[in-house]
Amino acid sequence: MQFNTNPSGPRSIGSVMSRLLARTGYDQEQATSGLATAWEQAAPAAFRGCSQAGLVRRGVLEVFVSHSALVQEMGFHKREVIARLGELVPAEGITDIRCRLLADAGR
């Protein structure tokens, strides 16, 4: 693993650590953990314990739910949840939520 691409001198420790975290995926793991925590805080009561946040792609948060009634239920709560997530994790840029069925969601 070669970090120093600049032959004129050493790199700062911050630069090296940033690249290391990105290469190992630890930065993504931390972001995912933060999103899961934010989801637990922003999710309606009916979703707690039977849903889990997935990844954010192009502003769309993928949420896994344990049964199909929750997919429909999200339609009633989507605006409030998106607004709350915008407060909790503004860097994610969440503009929409898409629910998917996953039998083990939230467990």
PDB file of N, CA and C in Angstrom:
ATOM      1  N   MET A   1       0.858  -1.163   0.000  1.00  0.00           N
ATOM      2  CA  MET A   1       0.000   0.000   0.000  1.00  0.00           C
ATOM      3  C   MET A   1       0.901   1.220   0.000  1.00  0.00           C
ATOM      4  N   GLN A   2       0.764   2.053  -0.996  1.00  0.00           N
ATOM      5  CA  GLN A   2       1.614   3.224  -1.113  1.00  0.00           C
ATOM      6  C   GLN A   2       0.774   4.471  -0.892  1.00  0.00           C
ATOM      7  N   PHE A   3       1.102   5.251   0.127  1.00  0.00           N
ATOM      8  CA  PHE A   3       0.351   6.454   0.442  1.00  0.00           C
ATOM      9  C   PHE A   3       1.005   7.705  -0.115  1.00  0.00           C
ATOM     10  N   ASN A   4       2.303   7.745  -0.123  1.00  0.00           N
ATOM     11  CA  ASN A   4       3.005   8.956  -0.505  1.00  0.00           C
ATOM     12  C   ASN A   4       3.198   9.010  -2.020  1.00  0.00           C
ATOM     13  N   THR A   5       2.269   9.684  -2.699  1.00  0.00           N
ATOM     14  CA  THR A   5       2.398   9.844  -4.144  1.00  0.00           C
ATOM     15  C   THR A   5       3.106  11.143  -4.484  1.00  0.00           C
ATOM     16  N   ASN A   6       3.387  11.948  -3.476  1.00  0.00           N
ATOM     17  CA  ASN A   6       4.087  13.208  -3.652  1.00  0.00           C
ATOM     18  C   ASN A   6       5.542  13.014  -3.236  1.00  0.00           C
ATOM     19  N   PRO A   7       6.457  12.926  -4.183  1.00  0.00           N
ATOM     20  CA  PRO A   7       7.859  12.657  -3.842  1.00  0.00           C
ATOM     21  C   PRO A   7       8.558  13.818  -3.129  1.00  0.00           C
ATOM     22  N   SER A   8       7.913  14.971  -3.020  1.00  0.00           N
ATOM     23  CA  SER A   8       8.590  16.124  -2.433  1.00  0.00           C
ATOM     24  C   SER A   8       8.592  16.127  -0.909  1.00  0.00           C
ATOM     25  N   GLY A   9       7.838  15.231  -0.273  1.00  0.00           N
ATOM     26  CA  GLY A   9       7.863  15.239   1.184  1.00  0.00           C
ATOM     27  C   GLY A   9       6.785  14.378   1.788  1.00  0.00           C
ATOM     28  N   PRO A  10       6.783  14.291   3.100  1.00  0.00           N
ATOM     29  CA  PRO A  10       5.811  13.442   3.792  1.00  0.00           C
ATOM     30  C   PRO A  10       4.411  14.071   3.773  1.00  0.00           C
ATOM     31  N   ARG A  11       3.416  13.195   3.930  1.00  0.00           N
ATOM     32  CA  ARG A  11       2.017  13.638   3.999  1.00  0.00           C
ATOM     33  C   ARG A  11       1.625  13.848   5.454  1.00  0.00           C
ATOM     34  N   SER A  12       0.591  14.617   5.645  1.00  0.00           N
ATOM     35  CA  SER A  12       0.103  14.838   7.008  1.00  0.00           C
ATOM     36  C   SER A  12      -0.582  13.568   7.499  1.00  0.00           C
ATOM     37  N   ILE A  13      -0.602  13.372   8.809  1.00  0.00           N
ATOM     38  CA  ILE A  13      -1.240  12.190   9.394  1.00  0.00           C
ATOM     39  C   ILE A  13      -2.733  12.189   9.094  1.00  0.00           C
ATOM     40  N   GLY A  14      -3.348  13.367   9.053  1.00  0.00           N
ATOM     41  CA  GLY A  14      -4.774  13.467   8.728  1.00  0.00           C
ATOM     42  C   GLY A  14      -5.076  12.951   7.337  1.00  0.00           C
ATOM     43  N   SER A  15      -4.230  13.282   6.396  1.00  0.00           N
ATOM     44  CA  SER A  15      -4.401  12.820   5.024  1.00  0.00           C
ATOM     45  C   SER A  15      -4.251  11.305   4.923  1.00  0.00           C
ATOM     46  N   VAL A  16      -3.252  10.783   5.615  1.00  0.00           N
ATOM     47  CA  VAL A  16      -3.011   9.341   5.606  1.00  0.00           C
ATOM     48  C   VAL A  16      -4.181   8.595   6.257  1.00  0.00           C
ATOM     49  N   MET A  17      -4.655   9.089   7.401  1.00  0.00           N
ATOM     50  CA  MET A  17      -5.763   8.436   8.095  1.00  0.00           C
ATOM     51  C   MET A  17      -7.041   8.479   7.264  1.00  0.00           C
ATOM     52  N   SER A  18      -7.292   9.587   6.613  1.00  0.00           N
ATOM     53  CA  SER A  18      -8.480   9.719   5.778  1.00  0.00           C
ATOM     54  C   SER A  18      -8.468   8.676   4.656  1.00  0.00           C
ATOM     55  N   ARG A  19      -7.346   8.524   4.006  1.00  0.00           N
ATOM     56  CA  ARG A  19      -7.240   7.533   2.923  1.00  0.00           C
ATOM     57  C   ARG A  19      -7.352   6.112   3.467  1.00  0.00           C
ATOM     58  N   LEU A  20      -6.762   5.865   4.616  1.00  0.00           N
ATOM     59  CA  LEU A  20      -6.816   4.542   5.224  1.00  0.00           C
ATOM     60  C   LEU A  20      -8.251   4.162   5.587  1.00  0.00           C
ATOM     61  N   LEU A  21      -8.967   5.081   6.207  1.00  0.00           N
ATOM     62  CA  LEU A  21     -10.355   4.822   6.572  1.00  0.00           C
ATOM     63  C   LEU A  21     -11.216   4.569   5.340  1.00  0.00           C
ATOM     64  N   ALA A  22     -10.984   5.317   4.290  1.00  0.00           N
ATOM     65  CA  ALA A  22     -11.747   5.119   3.061  1.00  0.00           C
ATOM     66  C   ALA A  22     -11.433   3.765   2.427  1.00  0.00           C
ATOM     67  N   ARG A  23     -10.178   3.374   2.423  1.00  0.00           N
ATOM     68  CA  ARG A  23      -9.799   2.097   1.807  1.00  0.00           C
ATOM     69  C   ARG A  23     -10.307   0.887   2.578  1.00  0.00           C
ATOM     70  N   THR A  24     -10.366   0.983   3.882  1.00  0.00           N
ATOM     71  CA  THR A  24     -10.802  -0.160   4.682  1.00  0.00           C
ATOM     72  C   THR A  24     -12.309  -0.230   4.809  1.00  0.00           C
ATOM     73  N   GLY A  25     -13.011   0.848   4.445  1.00  0.00           N
ATOM     74  CA  GLY A  25     -14.460   0.856   4.539  1.00  0.00           C
ATOM     75  C   GLY A  25     -14.968   1.268   5.905  1.00  0.00           C
ATOM     76  N   TYR A  26     -14.067   1.604   6.809  1.00  0.00           N
ATOM     77  CA  TYR A  26     -14.487   1.982   8.156  1.00  0.00           C
ATOM     78  C   TYR A  26     -15.323   3.254   8.151  1.00  0.00           C
ATOM     79  N   ASP A  27     -15.006   4.190   7.263  1.00  0.00           N
ATOM     80  CA  ASP A  27     -15.792   5.421   7.201  1.00  0.00           C
ATOM     81  C   ASP A  27     -17.228   5.133   6.787  1.00  0.00           C
ATOM     82  N   GLN A  28     -17.430   4.193   5.861  1.00  0.00           N
ATOM     83  CA  GLN A  28     -18.776   3.815   5.436  1.00  0.00           C
ATOM     84  C   GLN A  28     -19.521   3.104   6.565  1.00  0.00           C
ATOM     85  N   GLU A  29     -18.803   2.283   7.310  1.00  0.00           N
ATOM     86  CA  GLU A  29     -19.406   1.573   8.440  1.00  0.00           C
ATOM     87  C   GLU A  29     -19.904   2.562   9.489  1.00  0.00           C
ATOM     88  N   GLN A  30     -19.126   3.600   9.768  1.00  0.00           N
ATOM     89  CA  GLN A  30     -19.524   4.612  10.730  1.00  0.00           C
ATOM     90  C   GLN A  30     -20.747   5.385  10.238  1.00  0.00           C
ATOM     91  N   ALA A  31     -20.778   5.701   8.955  1.00  0.00           N
ATOM     92  CA  ALA A  31     -21.915   6.424   8.384  1.00  0.00           C
ATOM     93  C   ALA A  31     -23.177   5.571   8.459  1.00  0.00           C
ATOM     94  N   THR A  32     -23.050   4.281   8.184  1.00  0.00           N
ATOM     95  CA  THR A  32     -24.194   3.371   8.245  1.00  0.00           C
ATOM     96  C   THR A  32     -24.721   3.270   9.662  1.00  0.00           C
ATOM     97  N   SER A  33     -23.825   3.203  10.627  1.00  0.00           N
ATOM     98  CA  SER A  33     -24.225   3.144  12.024  1.00  0.00           C
ATOM     99  C   SER A  33     -24.984   4.406  12.433  1.00  0.00           C
ATOM    100  N   GLY A  34     -24.506   5.552  12.004  1.00  0.00           N
ATOM    101  CA  GLY A  34     -25.178   6.809  12.303  1.00  0.00           C
ATOM    102  C   GLY A  34     -26.556   6.887  11.669  1.00  0.00           C
ATOM    103  N   LEU A  35     -26.681   6.366  10.465  1.00  0.00           N
ATOM    104  CA  LEU A  35     -27.971   6.359   9.779  1.00  0.00           C
ATOM    105  C   LEU A  35     -28.951   5.430  10.484  1.00  0.00           C
ATOM    106  N   ALA A  36     -28.476   4.289  10.949  1.00  0.00           N
ATOM    107  CA  ALA A  36     -29.340   3.353  11.677  1.00  0.00           C
ATOM    108  C   ALA A  36     -29.865   3.992  12.962  1.00  0.00           C
ATOM    109  N   THR A  37     -29.016   4.712  13.656  1.00  0.00           N
ATOM    110  CA  THR A  37     -29.427   5.401  14.873  1.00  0.00           C
ATOM    111  C   THR A  37     -30.448   6.495  14.565  1.00  0.00           C
ATOM    112  N   ALA A  38     -30.199   7.246  13.501  1.00  0.00           N
ATOM    113  CA  ALA A  38     -31.126   8.305  13.105  1.00  0.00           C
ATOM    114  C   ALA A  38     -32.475   7.710  12.703  1.00  0.00           C
ATOM    115  N   TRP A  39     -32.457   6.567  12.011  1.00  0.00           N
ATOM    116  CA  TRP A  39     -33.707   5.922  11.610  1.00  0.00           C
ATOM    117  C   TRP A  39     -34.524   5.530  12.846  1.00  0.00           C
ATOM    118  N   GLU A  40     -33.870   4.966  13.843  1.00  0.00           N
ATOM    119  CA  GLU A  40     -34.577   4.564  15.059  1.00  0.00           C
ATOM    120  C   GLU A  40     -35.228   5.767  15.743  1.00  0.00           C
ATOM    121  N   GLN A  41     -34.619   6.930  15.641  1.00  0.00           N
ATOM    122  CA  GLN A  41     -35.171   8.133  16.250  1.00  0.00           C
ATOM    123  C   GLN A  41     -36.289   8.746  15.413  1.00  0.00           C
ATOM    124  N   ALA A  42     -36.165   8.652  14.082  1.00  0.00           N
ATOM    125  CA  ALA A  42     -37.115   9.309  13.188  1.00  0.00           C
ATOM    126  C   ALA A  42     -38.295   8.425  12.788  1.00  0.00           C
ATOM    127  N   ALA A  43     -38.138   7.122  12.891  1.00  0.00           N
ATOM    128  CA  ALA A  43     -39.181   6.195  12.436  1.00  0.00           C
ATOM    129  C   ALA A  43     -40.445   6.307  13.285  1.00  0.00           C
ATOM    130  N   PRO A  44     -41.612   6.205  12.657  1.00  0.00           N
ATOM    131  CA  PRO A  44     -42.864   6.174  13.420  1.00  0.00           C
ATOM    132  C   PRO A  44     -42.876   4.966  14.355  1.00  0.00           C
ATOM    133  N   ALA A  45     -43.678   5.042  15.395  1.00  0.00           N
ATOM    134  CA  ALA A  45     -43.735   3.972  16.398  1.00  0.00           C
ATOM    135  C   ALA A  45     -44.027   2.606  15.778  1.00  0.00           C
ATOM    136  N   ALA A  46     -44.872   2.547  14.766  1.00  0.00           N
ATOM    137  CA  ALA A  46     -45.225   1.270  14.129  1.00  0.00           C
ATOM    138  C   ALA A  46     -44.028   0.595  13.458  1.00  0.00           C
ATOM    139  N   PHE A  47     -42.994   1.365  13.146  1.00  0.00           N
ATOM    140  CA  PHE A  47     -41.834   0.839  12.435  1.00  0.00           C
ATOM    141  C   PHE A  47     -40.724   0.366  13.377  1.00  0.00           C
ATOM    142  N   ARG A  48     -40.766   0.790  14.598  1.00  0.00           N
ATOM    143  CA  ARG A  48     -39.685   0.456  15.531  1.00  0.00           C
ATOM    144  C   ARG A  48     -39.714  -1.027  15.857  1.00  0.00           C
ATOM    145  N   GLY A  49     -38.588  -1.666  15.677  1.00  0.00           N
ATOM    146  CA  GLY A  49     -38.471  -3.088  15.953  1.00  0.00           C
ATOM    147  C   GLY A  49     -38.810  -3.987  14.771  1.00  0.00           C
ATOM    148  N   CYS A  50     -39.373  -3.422  13.710  1.00  0.00           N
ATOM    149  CA  CYS A  50     -39.703  -4.259  12.543  1.00  0.00           C
ATOM    150  C   CYS A  50     -39.246  -3.599  11.243  1.00  0.00           C
ATOM    151  N   SER A  51     -38.242  -2.729  11.350  1.00  0.00           N
ATOM    152  CA  SER A  51     -37.666  -2.099  10.153  1.00  0.00           C
ATOM    153  C   SER A  51     -36.206  -1.766  10.423  1.00  0.00           C
ATOM    154  N   GLN A  52     -35.477  -1.539   9.337  1.00  0.00           N
ATOM    155  CA  GLN A  52     -34.089  -1.113   9.473  1.00  0.00           C
ATOM    156  C   GLN A  52     -33.694  -0.302   8.254  1.00  0.00           C
ATOM    157  N   ALA A  53     -32.859   0.690   8.485  1.00  0.00           N
ATOM    158  CA  ALA A  53     -32.381   1.545   7.411  1.00  0.00           C
ATOM    159  C   ALA A  53     -31.328   0.815   6.595  1.00  0.00           C
ATOM    160  N   GLY A  54     -31.367   1.040   5.302  1.00  0.00           N
ATOM    161  CA  GLY A  54     -30.359   0.491   4.398  1.00  0.00           C
ATOM    162  C   GLY A  54     -29.428   1.600   3.965  1.00  0.00           C
ATOM    163  N   LEU A  55     -29.116   1.632   2.685  1.00  0.00           N
ATOM    164  CA  LEU A  55     -28.207   2.633   2.139  1.00  0.00           C
ATOM    165  C   LEU A  55     -28.972   3.796   1.536  1.00  0.00           C
ATOM    166  N   VAL A  56     -28.289   4.915   1.404  1.00  0.00           N
ATOM    167  CA  VAL A  56     -28.832   6.078   0.705  1.00  0.00           C
ATOM    168  C   VAL A  56     -28.153   6.130  -0.659  1.00  0.00           C
ATOM    169  N   ARG A  57     -28.963   6.101  -1.707  1.00  0.00           N
ATOM    170  CA  ARG A  57     -28.443   6.212  -3.075  1.00  0.00           C
ATOM    171  C   ARG A  57     -29.193   7.320  -3.777  1.00  0.00           C
ATOM    172  N   ARG A  58     -28.442   8.319  -4.229  1.00  0.00           N
ATOM    173  CA  ARG A  58     -29.029   9.462  -4.928  1.00  0.00           C
ATOM    174  C   ARG A  58     -30.161  10.098  -4.142  1.00  0.00           C
ATOM    175  N   GLY A  59     -29.980  10.194  -2.836  1.00  0.00           N
ATOM    176  CA  GLY A  59     -30.947  10.844  -1.973  1.00  0.00           C
ATOM    177  C   GLY A  59     -32.110   9.973  -1.524  1.00  0.00           C
ATOM    178  N   VAL A  60     -32.152   8.723  -1.964  1.00  0.00           N
ATOM    179  CA  VAL A  60     -33.247   7.821  -1.608  1.00  0.00           C
ATOM    180  C   VAL A  60     -32.764   6.825  -0.555  1.00  0.00           C
ATOM    181  N   LEU A  61     -33.402   6.866   0.617  1.00  0.00           N
ATOM    182  CA  LEU A  61     -33.081   5.928   1.688  1.00  0.00           C
ATOM    183  C   LEU A  61     -33.873   4.649   1.476  1.00  0.00           C
ATOM    184  N   GLU A  62     -33.186   3.541   1.443  1.00  0.00           N
ATOM    185  CA  GLU A  62     -33.831   2.240   1.343  1.00  0.00           C
ATOM    186  C   GLU A  62     -34.083   1.745   2.765  1.00  0.00           C
ATOM    187  N   VAL A  63     -35.345   1.426   3.055  1.00  0.00           N
ATOM    188  CA  VAL A  63     -35.724   0.937   4.374  1.00  0.00           C
ATOM    189  C   VAL A  63     -36.311  -0.456   4.213  1.00  0.00           C
ATOM    190  N   PHE A  64     -35.808  -1.388   5.005  1.00  0.00           N
ATOM    191  CA  PHE A  64     -36.306  -2.763   4.978  1.00  0.00           C
ATOM    192  C   PHE A  64     -37.346  -2.923   6.074  1.00  0.00           C
ATOM    193  N   VAL A  65     -38.509  -3.447   5.703  1.00  0.00           N
ATOM    194  CA  VAL A  65     -39.603  -3.651   6.653  1.00  0.00           C
ATOM    195  C   VAL A  65     -39.994  -5.118   6.673  1.00  0.00           C
ATOM    196  N   SER A  66     -40.580  -5.555   7.792  1.00  0.00           N
ATOM    197  CA  SER A  66     -40.871  -6.979   7.967  1.00  0.00           C
ATOM    198  C   SER A  66     -42.195  -7.432   7.379  1.00  0.00           C
ATOM    199  N   HIS A  67     -43.112  -6.499   7.104  1.00  0.00           N
ATOM    200  CA  HIS A  67     -44.363  -6.923   6.467  1.00  0.00           C
ATOM    201  C   HIS A  67     -44.924  -5.814   5.574  1.00  0.00           C
ATOM    202  N   SER A  68     -45.745  -6.226   4.612  1.00  0.00           N
ATOM    203  CA  SER A  68     -46.188  -5.323   3.552  1.00  0.00           C
ATOM    204  C   SER A  68     -47.059  -4.168   4.039  1.00  0.00           C
ATOM    205  N   ALA A  69     -47.754  -4.318   5.149  1.00  0.00           N
ATOM    206  CA  ALA A  69     -48.588  -3.226   5.664  1.00  0.00           C
ATOM    207  C   ALA A  69     -47.735  -1.999   5.978  1.00  0.00           C
ATOM    208  N   LEU A  70     -46.491  -2.212   6.362  1.00  0.00           N
ATOM    209  CA  LEU A  70     -45.606  -1.095   6.688  1.00  0.00           C
ATOM    210  C   LEU A  70     -45.197  -0.316   5.443  1.00  0.00           C
ATOM    211  N   VAL A  71     -45.157  -0.994   4.308  1.00  0.00           N
ATOM    212  CA  VAL A  71     -44.835  -0.296   3.061  1.00  0.00           C
ATOM    213  C   VAL A  71     -45.910   0.761   2.804  1.00  0.00           C
ATOM    214  N   GLN A  72     -47.171   0.369   2.951  1.00  0.00           N
ATOM    215  CA  GLN A  72     -48.273   1.300   2.753  1.00  0.00           C
ATOM    216  C   GLN A  72     -48.300   2.366   3.853  1.00  0.00           C
ATOM    217  N   GLU A  73     -48.038   1.978   5.066  1.00  0.00           N
ATOM    218  CA  GLU A  73     -48.031   2.899   6.198  1.00  0.00           C
ATOM    219  C   GLU A  73     -47.011   4.023   6.003  1.00  0.00           C
ATOM    220  N   MET A  74     -45.891   3.722   5.379  1.00  0.00           N
ATOM    221  CA  MET A  74     -44.858   4.739   5.172  1.00  0.00           C
ATOM    222  C   MET A  74     -45.399   5.896   4.342  1.00  0.00           C
ATOM    223  N   GLY A  75     -46.316   5.618   3.437  1.00  0.00           N
ATOM    224  CA  GLY A  75     -46.900   6.681   2.632  1.00  0.00           C
ATOM    225  C   GLY A  75     -47.541   7.771   3.473  1.00  0.00           C
ATOM    226  N   PHE A  76     -48.052   7.421   4.629  1.00  0.00           N
ATOM    227  CA  PHE A  76     -48.697   8.393   5.509  1.00  0.00           C
ATOM    228  C   PHE A  76     -47.693   9.204   6.330  1.00  0.00           C
ATOM    229  N   HIS A  77     -46.505   8.679   6.517  1.00  0.00           N
ATOM    230  CA  HIS A  77     -45.520   9.308   7.411  1.00  0.00           C
ATOM    231  C   HIS A  77     -44.292   9.844   6.686  1.00  0.00           C
ATOM    232  N   LYS A  78     -44.205   9.618   5.396  1.00  0.00           N
ATOM    233  CA  LYS A  78     -42.967   9.882   4.667  1.00  0.00           C
ATOM    234  C   LYS A  78     -42.453  11.317   4.837  1.00  0.00           C
ATOM    235  N   ARG A  79     -43.297  12.304   4.678  1.00  0.00           N
ATOM    236  CA  ARG A  79     -42.829  13.704   4.758  1.00  0.00           C
ATOM    237  C   ARG A  79     -42.220  14.032   6.113  1.00  0.00           C
ATOM    238  N   GLU A  80     -42.897  13.612   7.170  1.00  0.00           N
ATOM    239  CA  GLU A  80     -42.389  13.911   8.514  1.00  0.00           C
ATOM    240  C   GLU A  80     -41.065  13.193   8.774  1.00  0.00           C
ATOM    241  N   VAL A  81     -40.980  11.952   8.314  1.00  0.00           N
ATOM    242  CA  VAL A  81     -39.763  11.166   8.542  1.00  0.00           C
ATOM    243  C   VAL A  81     -38.595  11.759   7.763  1.00  0.00           C
ATOM    244  N   ILE A  82     -38.834  12.153   6.529  1.00  0.00           N
ATOM    245  CA  ILE A  82     -37.771  12.764   5.722  1.00  0.00           C
ATOM    246  C   ILE A  82     -37.302  14.061   6.375  1.00  0.00           C
ATOM    247  N   ALA A  83     -38.230  14.853   6.866  1.00  0.00           N
ATOM    248  CA  ALA A  83     -37.858  16.111   7.540  1.00  0.00           C
ATOM    249  C   ALA A  83     -37.032  15.831   8.787  1.00  0.00           C
ATOM    250  N   ARG A  84     -37.424  14.853   9.566  1.00  0.00           N
ATOM    251  CA  ARG A  84     -36.690  14.505  10.796  1.00  0.00           C
ATOM    252  C   ARG A  84     -35.296  13.978  10.472  1.00  0.00           C
ATOM    253  N   LEU A  85     -35.201  13.120   9.456  1.00  0.00           N
ATOM    254  CA  LEU A  85     -33.888  12.609   9.047  1.00  0.00           C
ATOM    255  C   LEU A  85     -32.999  13.739   8.530  1.00  0.00           C
ATOM    256  N   GLY A  86     -33.609  14.730   7.883  1.00  0.00           N
ATOM    257  CA  GLY A  86     -32.854  15.894   7.424  1.00  0.00           C
ATOM    258  C   GLY A  86     -32.228  16.660   8.580  1.00  0.00           C
ATOM    259  N   GLU A  87     -32.908  16.658   9.723  1.00  0.00           N
ATOM    260  CA  GLU A  87     -32.363  17.305  10.919  1.00  0.00           C
ATOM    261  C   GLU A  87     -31.273  16.453  11.564  1.00  0.00           C
ATOM    262  N   LEU A  88     -31.503  15.133  11.593  1.00  0.00           N
ATOM    263  CA  LEU A  88     -30.578  14.233  12.294  1.00  0.00           C
ATOM    264  C   LEU A  88     -29.311  13.926  11.501  1.00  0.00           C
ATOM    265  N   VAL A  89     -29.455  13.719  10.194  1.00  0.00           N
ATOM    266  CA  VAL A  89     -28.301  13.376   9.346  1.00  0.00           C
ATOM    267  C   VAL A  89     -28.340  14.203   8.050  1.00  0.00           C
ATOM    268  N   PRO A  90     -28.119  15.517   8.170  1.00  0.00           N
ATOM    269  CA  PRO A  90     -28.222  16.385   6.991  1.00  0.00           C
ATOM    270  C   PRO A  90     -27.223  16.044   5.882  1.00  0.00           C
ATOM    271  N   ALA A  91     -26.082  15.491   6.239  1.00  0.00           N
ATOM    272  CA  ALA A  91     -25.067  15.167   5.236  1.00  0.00           C
ATOM    273  C   ALA A  91     -25.512  14.062   4.276  1.00  0.00           C
ATOM    274  N   GLU A  92     -26.488  13.263   4.674  1.00  0.00           N
ATOM    275  CA  GLU A  92     -26.960  12.170   3.812  1.00  0.00           C
ATOM    276  C   GLU A  92     -27.802  12.692   2.644  1.00  0.00           C
ATOM    277  N   GLY A  93     -28.420  13.849   2.791  1.00  0.00           N
ATOM    278  CA  GLY A  93     -29.205  14.436   1.710  1.00  0.00           C
ATOM    279  C   GLY A  93     -30.420  13.605   1.318  1.00  0.00           C
ATOM    280  N   ILE A  94     -31.131  13.075   2.285  1.00  0.00           N
ATOM    281  CA  ILE A  94     -32.272  12.193   2.025  1.00  0.00           C
ATOM    282  C   ILE A  94     -33.459  13.015   1.527  1.00  0.00           C
ATOM    283  N   THR A  95     -33.954  12.656   0.345  1.00  0.00           N
ATOM    284  CA  THR A  95     -35.093  13.344  -0.257  1.00  0.00           C
ATOM    285  C   THR A  95     -36.288  12.422  -0.450  1.00  0.00           C
ATOM    286  N   ASP A  96     -36.078  11.117  -0.295  1.00  0.00           N
ATOM    287  CA  ASP A  96     -37.162  10.158  -0.480  1.00  0.00           C
ATOM    288  C   ASP A  96     -36.840   8.885   0.304  1.00  0.00           C
ATOM    289  N   ILE A  97     -37.871   8.076   0.524  1.00  0.00           N
ATOM    290  CA  ILE A  97     -37.712   6.794   1.209  1.00  0.00           C
ATOM    291  C   ILE A  97     -38.385   5.725   0.367  1.00  0.00           C
ATOM    292  N   ARG A  98     -37.704   4.624   0.185  1.00  0.00           N
ATOM    293  CA  ARG A  98     -38.268   3.483  -0.535  1.00  0.00           C
ATOM    294  C   ARG A  98     -38.226   2.274   0.393  1.00  0.00           C
ATOM    295  N   CYS A  99     -39.387   1.673   0.630  1.00  0.00           N
ATOM    296  CA  CYS A  99     -39.470   0.515   1.507  1.00  0.00           C
ATOM    297  C   CYS A  99     -39.387  -0.783   0.701  1.00  0.00           C
ATOM    298  N   ARG A 100     -38.716  -1.755   1.286  1.00  0.00           N
ATOM    299  CA  ARG A 100     -38.599  -3.097   0.691  1.00  0.00           C
ATOM    300  C   ARG A 100     -38.867  -4.133   1.782  1.00  0.00           C
ATOM    301  N   LEU A 101     -39.456  -5.226   1.363  1.00  0.00           N
ATOM    302  CA  LEU A 101     -39.747  -6.300   2.308  1.00  0.00           C
ATOM    303  C   LEU A 101     -38.497  -7.124   2.609  1.00  0.00           C
ATOM    304  N   LEU A 102     -38.318  -7.436   3.881  1.00  0.00           N
ATOM    305  CA  LEU A 102     -37.247  -8.307   4.337  1.00  0.00           C
ATOM    306  C   LEU A 102     -37.758  -8.950   5.619  1.00  0.00           C
ATOM    307  N   ALA A 103     -37.962 -10.245   5.606  1.00  0.00           N
ATOM    308  CA  ALA A 103     -38.598 -10.954   6.721  1.00  0.00           C
ATOM    309  C   ALA A 103     -37.910 -10.686   8.053  1.00  0.00           C
ATOM    310  N   ASP A 104     -36.604 -10.551   8.079  1.00  0.00           N
ATOM    311  CA  ASP A 104     -35.860 -10.377   9.324  1.00  0.00           C
ATOM    312  C   ASP A 104     -35.630  -8.911   9.702  1.00  0.00           C
ATOM    313  N   ALA A 105     -36.277  -7.986   9.036  1.00  0.00           N
ATOM    314  CA  ALA A 105     -36.023  -6.558   9.270  1.00  0.00           C
ATOM    315  C   ALA A 105     -36.299  -6.183  10.711  1.00  0.00           C
ATOM    316  N   GLY A 106     -35.364  -5.438  11.279  1.00  0.00           N
ATOM    317  CA  GLY A 106     -35.518  -4.942  12.642  1.00  0.00           C
ATOM    318  C   GLY A 106     -35.126  -5.913  13.720  1.00  0.00           C
ATOM    319  N   ARG A 107     -34.753  -7.117  13.390  1.00  0.00           N
ATOM    320  CA  ARG A 107     -34.387  -8.117  14.411  1.00  0.00           C
ATOM    321  C   ARG A 107     -32.917  -8.209  14.610  1.00  0.00           C
TER     322      ARG A 107
END
